[in-house]
Structures are given as structure tokens and as C-alpha cells.
Amino acid sequence: MLTRKEKLYVHVFSKDPVQSEWEFWVEICAEKNKSNKLKIHTDDLLASKLKRRNVFVVRLKEVHNHHIRIYRTIVKPKAPNKP
């Protein structure tokens, strides 16, 4: 069960316009809900920051039955140092 203000590592794999918003399909990359899929609805400004084929840390703002909304503070995690 997802809760408000929870942080998730997500992989963005699809991005589609829906009326005046954008719908993102993401896959959870870590923690107890790993490999589960989610729908995120955002506005144009936040949609320009979320790029397909990237991993982000997002914080949940609202959890609905069929989609979620996130806060504007998205973070792209740093890649681990390779030897």
C-alpha cells in the first residue's frame, strides 16, 4: 500500500498526453513494491523534467485509485562509481 510523502525509486518507460496533463507509466525499482507499475499524472512543467528511460526518486503527493500525483522535487540518483 502506498502512502502520502513516501519516496520511491521509479523508472519512467512511457509518457502520453491526457487532456491538459501528462500520464507517465513507471516501474518501481526498489523496496517492497519492486517491479510494480504505476500511473503518474503531472502538468506540463513537471513533464518536461521527467524523461523516458531514466530513474528518478519521487515523493508521493496524492494517492488515488488509478493514479498518483507527485511533488515537484524529483531527484535523479547518482550512478555508482565503477572500478
Foldseek 3Di string as FASTA:
>chain_A
DDDAFDKFKWAWADWDDDVQWIWTWIATPDDDRHRDIAIEIGGPVLVVVDDHRAIKIWGWHADDDHHTYTDSDIGGDDDDDDD
